[in-house]
Amino acid sequence: MDFPVKTLWGHGGNSLPRRYETPQMHVSLTLFLDCPISTKKTVGVSKKSKDVDVRNALVEWYEEHALERLTEKTNRYAGIMGVSPNSISVRDYKSRWGSCSSKGEISYNWRIIIAPHHIVDYVVVHELCHMQHPNHSPAYWKSVKREVSDYEISRQWLKVHADELVV
């Protein structure tokens, strides 16, 4: 018997997002997410749920876990770099991966957590370096390079793959 199929997207770590198909008759969906926050997520949805309901549940989960993981990474790199951010938050930016205010408040786009580990590390270091250099001067990029020697590769990866970091 053929059932109607819902198409959902998950992420496969360093690879492109993967397509998951599940018959609409299922009451819940379990995705095994192989990404920097590798874990299992079960999203309970009714038989009448729409794709947007599943997406919203996944986004909420990603936002919560992104804050946890990005806080860990930020604190680890901040200790290495000798800086102390005043706050760390996660937002839903449309066209940036992070921000560092003049008050030392760092915020990240939750979607960055879908990227490979070394890309996430680059974004964390990028924002922390703004605590020492509030611009993109040569001194700023030298600071970034000191922590992430191949940062140019990560910058390019983000430019090429930005549209793939979606749920």
C-alpha atoms as a PDB file:
ATOM      1  CA  MET A   1       0.000   0.000   0.000  1.00  0.00           C
ATOM      2  CA  ASP A   2       1.381   3.421  -0.936  1.00  0.00           C
ATOM      3  CA  PHE A   3       1.058   6.269   1.532  1.00  0.00           C
ATOM      4  CA  PRO A   4       1.451   9.992   0.838  1.00  0.00           C
ATOM      5  CA  VAL A   5       4.979  11.067   1.685  1.00  0.00           C
ATOM      6  CA  LYS A   6       6.202  14.133   3.600  1.00  0.00           C
ATOM      7  CA  THR A   7       9.674  15.352   2.750  1.00  0.00           C
ATOM      8  CA  LEU A   8      11.821  16.677   5.585  1.00  0.00           C
ATOM      9  CA  TRP A   9      15.417  17.786   5.627  1.00  0.00           C
ATOM     10  CA  GLY A  10      18.074  16.827   8.131  1.00  0.00           C
ATOM     11  CA  HIS A  11      21.805  17.275   8.011  1.00  0.00           C
ATOM     12  CA  GLY A  12      24.514  14.695   7.574  1.00  0.00           C
ATOM     13  CA  GLY A  13      27.506  16.324   9.240  1.00  0.00           C
ATOM     14  CA  ASN A  14      30.068  17.438   6.665  1.00  0.00           C
ATOM     15  CA  SER A  15      27.840  16.422   3.777  1.00  0.00           C
ATOM     16  CA  LEU A  16      24.947  18.230   2.192  1.00  0.00           C
ATOM     17  CA  PRO A  17      21.557  18.212   3.897  1.00  0.00           C
ATOM     18  CA  ARG A  18      19.811  14.876   3.519  1.00  0.00           C
ATOM     19  CA  ARG A  19      16.237  14.315   2.452  1.00  0.00           C
ATOM     20  CA  TYR A  20      14.106  12.167   4.710  1.00  0.00           C
ATOM     21  CA  GLU A  21      10.757  10.861   3.556  1.00  0.00           C
ATOM     22  CA  THR A  22       8.172   9.603   5.954  1.00  0.00           C
ATOM     23  CA  PRO A  23       4.606   8.442   5.268  1.00  0.00           C
ATOM     24  CA  GLN A  24       2.044  10.931   6.547  1.00  0.00           C
ATOM     25  CA  MET A  25       0.341   8.212   8.563  1.00  0.00           C
ATOM     26  CA  HIS A  26       3.152   8.286  11.149  1.00  0.00           C
ATOM     27  CA  VAL A  27       2.376  10.032  14.409  1.00  0.00           C
ATOM     28  CA  SER A  28       5.984  10.800  15.248  1.00  0.00           C
ATOM     29  CA  LEU A  29       9.226  11.159  13.383  1.00  0.00           C
ATOM     30  CA  THR A  30      12.678  10.395  14.637  1.00  0.00           C
ATOM     31  CA  LEU A  31      15.664  11.973  12.924  1.00  0.00           C
ATOM     32  CA  PHE A  32      19.173  10.868  13.728  1.00  0.00           C
ATOM     33  CA  LEU A  33      21.142  14.060  13.309  1.00  0.00           C
ATOM     34  CA  ASP A  34      24.808  13.538  12.526  1.00  0.00           C
ATOM     35  CA  CYS A  35      26.123  17.054  12.976  1.00  0.00           C
ATOM     36  CA  PRO A  36      28.214  19.009  15.512  1.00  0.00           C
ATOM     37  CA  ILE A  37      25.448  18.426  18.043  1.00  0.00           C
ATOM     38  CA  SER A  38      24.995  14.800  17.055  1.00  0.00           C
ATOM     39  CA  THR A  39      21.950  13.365  18.758  1.00  0.00           C
ATOM     40  CA  LYS A  40      18.515  11.920  18.170  1.00  0.00           C
ATOM     41  CA  LYS A  41      15.435  14.123  17.984  1.00  0.00           C
ATOM     42  CA  THR A  42      11.902  12.805  18.136  1.00  0.00           C
ATOM     43  CA  VAL A  43       9.293  15.279  17.033  1.00  0.00           C
ATOM     44  CA  GLY A  44       5.751  14.363  17.950  1.00  0.00           C
ATOM     45  CA  VAL A  45       3.296  15.480  15.316  1.00  0.00           C
ATOM     46  CA  SER A  46      -0.322  14.600  14.763  1.00  0.00           C
ATOM     47  CA  LYS A  47      -1.487  12.895  11.603  1.00  0.00           C
ATOM     48  CA  LYS A  48      -2.837  16.271  10.493  1.00  0.00           C
ATOM     49  CA  SER A  49       0.376  18.186  11.161  1.00  0.00           C
ATOM     50  CA  LYS A  50       1.882  20.169   8.361  1.00  0.00           C
ATOM     51  CA  ASP A  51       5.527  20.307   7.353  1.00  0.00           C
ATOM     52  CA  VAL A  52       5.714  23.726   9.012  1.00  0.00           C
ATOM     53  CA  ASP A  53       4.822  22.172  12.396  1.00  0.00           C
ATOM     54  CA  VAL A  54       7.685  19.698  12.133  1.00  0.00           C
ATOM     55  CA  ARG A  55      10.062  22.410  10.920  1.00  0.00           C
ATOM     56  CA  ASN A  56       9.116  24.713  13.809  1.00  0.00           C
ATOM     57  CA  ALA A  57       9.731  21.935  16.334  1.00  0.00           C
ATOM     58  CA  LEU A  58      13.138  21.212  14.809  1.00  0.00           C
ATOM     59  CA  VAL A  59      14.084  24.909  14.732  1.00  0.00           C
ATOM     60  CA  GLU A  60      13.164  25.263  18.396  1.00  0.00           C
ATOM     61  CA  TRP A  61      15.328  22.249  19.235  1.00  0.00           C
ATOM     62  CA  TYR A  62      18.247  23.558  17.156  1.00  0.00           C
ATOM     63  CA  GLU A  63      18.037  26.984  18.828  1.00  0.00           C
ATOM     64  CA  GLU A  64      18.191  25.438  22.314  1.00  0.00           C
ATOM     65  CA  HIS A  65      21.096  23.153  21.482  1.00  0.00           C
ATOM     66  CA  ALA A  66      22.901  25.806  19.472  1.00  0.00           C
ATOM     67  CA  LEU A  67      22.978  28.074  22.508  1.00  0.00           C
ATOM     68  CA  GLU A  68      24.375  25.275  24.660  1.00  0.00           C
ATOM     69  CA  ARG A  69      27.091  24.255  22.185  1.00  0.00           C
ATOM     70  CA  LEU A  70      28.026  27.805  21.144  1.00  0.00           C
ATOM     71  CA  THR A  71      28.311  28.855  24.782  1.00  0.00           C
ATOM     72  CA  GLU A  72      30.692  25.945  25.415  1.00  0.00           C
ATOM     73  CA  LYS A  73      32.814  26.782  22.367  1.00  0.00           C
ATOM     74  CA  THR A  74      32.808  30.511  23.105  1.00  0.00           C
ATOM     75  CA  ASN A  75      33.907  30.001  26.696  1.00  0.00           C
ATOM     76  CA  ARG A  76      36.646  27.579  25.642  1.00  0.00           C
ATOM     77  CA  TYR A  77      38.083  29.923  23.000  1.00  0.00           C
ATOM     78  CA  ALA A  78      37.601  32.994  25.204  1.00  0.00           C
ATOM     79  CA  GLY A  79      39.812  31.348  27.834  1.00  0.00           C
ATOM     80  CA  ILE A  80      42.492  30.605  25.248  1.00  0.00           C
ATOM     81  CA  MET A  81      42.313  34.128  23.800  1.00  0.00           C
ATOM     82  CA  GLY A  82      42.127  35.959  27.126  1.00  0.00           C
ATOM     83  CA  VAL A  83      38.791  37.686  26.508  1.00  0.00           C
ATOM     84  CA  SER A  84      35.534  37.576  28.475  1.00  0.00           C
ATOM     85  CA  PRO A  85      32.244  38.096  26.657  1.00  0.00           C
ATOM     86  CA  ASN A  86      29.498  39.635  28.787  1.00  0.00           C
ATOM     87  CA  SER A  87      26.749  37.560  27.223  1.00  0.00           C
ATOM     88  CA  ILE A  88      26.177  34.887  24.602  1.00  0.00           C
ATOM     89  CA  SER A  89      22.905  34.477  22.760  1.00  0.00           C
ATOM     90  CA  VAL A  90      21.408  32.843  19.688  1.00  0.00           C
ATOM     91  CA  ARG A  91      19.266  34.686  17.160  1.00  0.00           C
ATOM     92  CA  ASP A  92      17.596  34.104  13.820  1.00  0.00           C
ATOM     93  CA  TYR A  93      19.698  36.317  11.575  1.00  0.00           C
ATOM     94  CA  LYS A  94      18.950  36.390   7.878  1.00  0.00           C
ATOM     95  CA  SER A  95      22.352  37.427   6.548  1.00  0.00           C
ATOM     96  CA  ARG A  96      25.032  37.052   9.226  1.00  0.00           C
ATOM     97  CA  TRP A  97      26.577  34.276  11.272  1.00  0.00           C
ATOM     98  CA  GLY A  98      27.323  36.261  14.394  1.00  0.00           C
ATOM     99  CA  SER A  99      27.746  39.631  15.996  1.00  0.00           C
ATOM    100  CA  CYS A 100      29.856  41.140  18.768  1.00  0.00           C
ATOM    101  CA  SER A 101      28.713  44.415  20.296  1.00  0.00           C
ATOM    102  CA  SER A 102      30.991  47.069  21.800  1.00  0.00           C
ATOM    103  CA  LYS A 103      29.707  45.862  25.200  1.00  0.00           C
ATOM    104  CA  GLY A 104      31.088  42.366  24.608  1.00  0.00           C
ATOM    105  CA  GLU A 105      27.699  40.822  23.871  1.00  0.00           C
ATOM    106  CA  ILE A 106      28.083  38.008  21.370  1.00  0.00           C
ATOM    107  CA  SER A 107      25.174  36.585  19.417  1.00  0.00           C
ATOM    108  CA  TYR A 108      25.164  33.830  16.839  1.00  0.00           C
ATOM    109  CA  ASN A 109      22.849  32.715  14.093  1.00  0.00           C
ATOM    110  CA  TRP A 110      21.442  29.379  15.319  1.00  0.00           C
ATOM    111  CA  ARG A 111      21.909  27.902  11.830  1.00  0.00           C
ATOM    112  CA  ILE A 112      25.698  27.931  12.172  1.00  0.00           C
ATOM    113  CA  ILE A 113      25.459  24.905  14.467  1.00  0.00           C
ATOM    114  CA  ILE A 114      24.450  22.817  11.431  1.00  0.00           C
ATOM    115  CA  ALA A 115      27.863  23.477   9.851  1.00  0.00           C
ATOM    116  CA  PRO A 116      30.907  21.235  10.377  1.00  0.00           C
ATOM    117  CA  HIS A 117      32.818  21.724  13.645  1.00  0.00           C
ATOM    118  CA  HIS A 118      35.737  23.648  12.160  1.00  0.00           C
ATOM    119  CA  ILE A 119      33.360  26.148  10.537  1.00  0.00           C
ATOM    120  CA  VAL A 120      31.579  26.726  13.863  1.00  0.00           C
ATOM    121  CA  ASP A 121      34.969  27.210  15.530  1.00  0.00           C
ATOM    122  CA  TYR A 122      35.909  29.815  12.931  1.00  0.00           C
ATOM    123  CA  VAL A 123      32.702  31.802  13.539  1.00  0.00           C
ATOM    124  CA  VAL A 124      33.262  31.694  17.313  1.00  0.00           C
ATOM    125  CA  VAL A 125      36.855  32.909  16.933  1.00  0.00           C
ATOM    126  CA  HIS A 126      35.735  35.541  14.408  1.00  0.00           C
ATOM    127  CA  GLU A 127      33.331  37.071  16.927  1.00  0.00           C
ATOM    128  CA  LEU A 128      35.722  36.818  19.877  1.00  0.00           C
ATOM    129  CA  CYS A 129      38.438  38.616  17.893  1.00  0.00           C
ATOM    130  CA  HIS A 130      36.044  41.565  17.614  1.00  0.00           C
ATOM    131  CA  MET A 131      36.456  41.996  21.358  1.00  0.00           C
ATOM    132  CA  GLN A 132      40.087  42.922  20.664  1.00  0.00           C
ATOM    133  CA  HIS A 133      39.564  44.617  17.286  1.00  0.00           C
ATOM    134  CA  PRO A 134      36.107  46.113  16.593  1.00  0.00           C
ATOM    135  CA  ASN A 135      36.730  46.076  12.834  1.00  0.00           C
ATOM    136  CA  HIS A 136      38.137  43.924  10.043  1.00  0.00           C
ATOM    137  CA  SER A 137      41.578  45.543   9.986  1.00  0.00           C
ATOM    138  CA  PRO A 138      44.771  43.638   9.121  1.00  0.00           C
ATOM    139  CA  ALA A 139      45.430  43.335  12.882  1.00  0.00           C
ATOM    140  CA  TYR A 140      41.991  41.765  13.315  1.00  0.00           C
ATOM    141  CA  TRP A 141      42.610  39.141  10.610  1.00  0.00           C
ATOM    142  CA  LYS A 142      46.021  38.412  12.096  1.00  0.00           C
ATOM    143  CA  SER A 143      44.276  37.626  15.409  1.00  0.00           C
ATOM    144  CA  VAL A 144      41.821  35.335  13.642  1.00  0.00           C
ATOM    145  CA  LYS A 145      44.658  33.563  11.827  1.00  0.00           C
ATOM    146  CA  ARG A 146      46.518  33.023  15.105  1.00  0.00           C
ATOM    147  CA  GLU A 147      43.589  30.928  16.378  1.00  0.00           C
ATOM    148  CA  VAL A 148      42.339  29.432  13.092  1.00  0.00           C
ATOM    149  CA  SER A 149      45.313  29.237  10.743  1.00  0.00           C
ATOM    150  CA  ASP A 150      43.213  28.238   7.716  1.00  0.00           C
ATOM    151  CA  TYR A 151      40.334  30.636   8.377  1.00  0.00           C
ATOM    152  CA  GLU A 152      40.202  31.618   4.681  1.00  0.00           C
ATOM    153  CA  ILE A 153      38.940  28.119   3.868  1.00  0.00           C
ATOM    154  CA  SER A 154      36.176  28.444   6.457  1.00  0.00           C
ATOM    155  CA  ARG A 155      35.165  31.876   5.153  1.00  0.00           C
ATOM    156  CA  GLN A 156      34.947  30.487   1.635  1.00  0.00           C
ATOM    157  CA  TRP A 157      33.019  27.426   2.815  1.00  0.00           C
ATOM    158  CA  LEU A 158      30.404  29.690   4.395  1.00  0.00           C
ATOM    159  CA  LYS A 159      30.060  31.722   1.210  1.00  0.00           C
ATOM    160  CA  VAL A 160      29.554  28.596  -0.880  1.00  0.00           C
ATOM    161  CA  HIS A 161      27.394  26.569   1.519  1.00  0.00           C
ATOM    162  CA  ALA A 162      25.376  29.218   3.386  1.00  0.00           C
ATOM    163  CA  ASP A 163      22.134  28.279   1.648  1.00  0.00           C
ATOM    164  CA  GLU A 164      22.530  24.653   2.759  1.00  0.00           C
ATOM    165  CA  LEU A 165      22.436  25.440   6.487  1.00  0.00           C
ATOM    166  CA  VAL A 166      18.693  25.130   6.773  1.00  0.00           C
ATOM    167  CA  VAL A 167      16.123  22.953   8.460  1.00  0.00           C
END
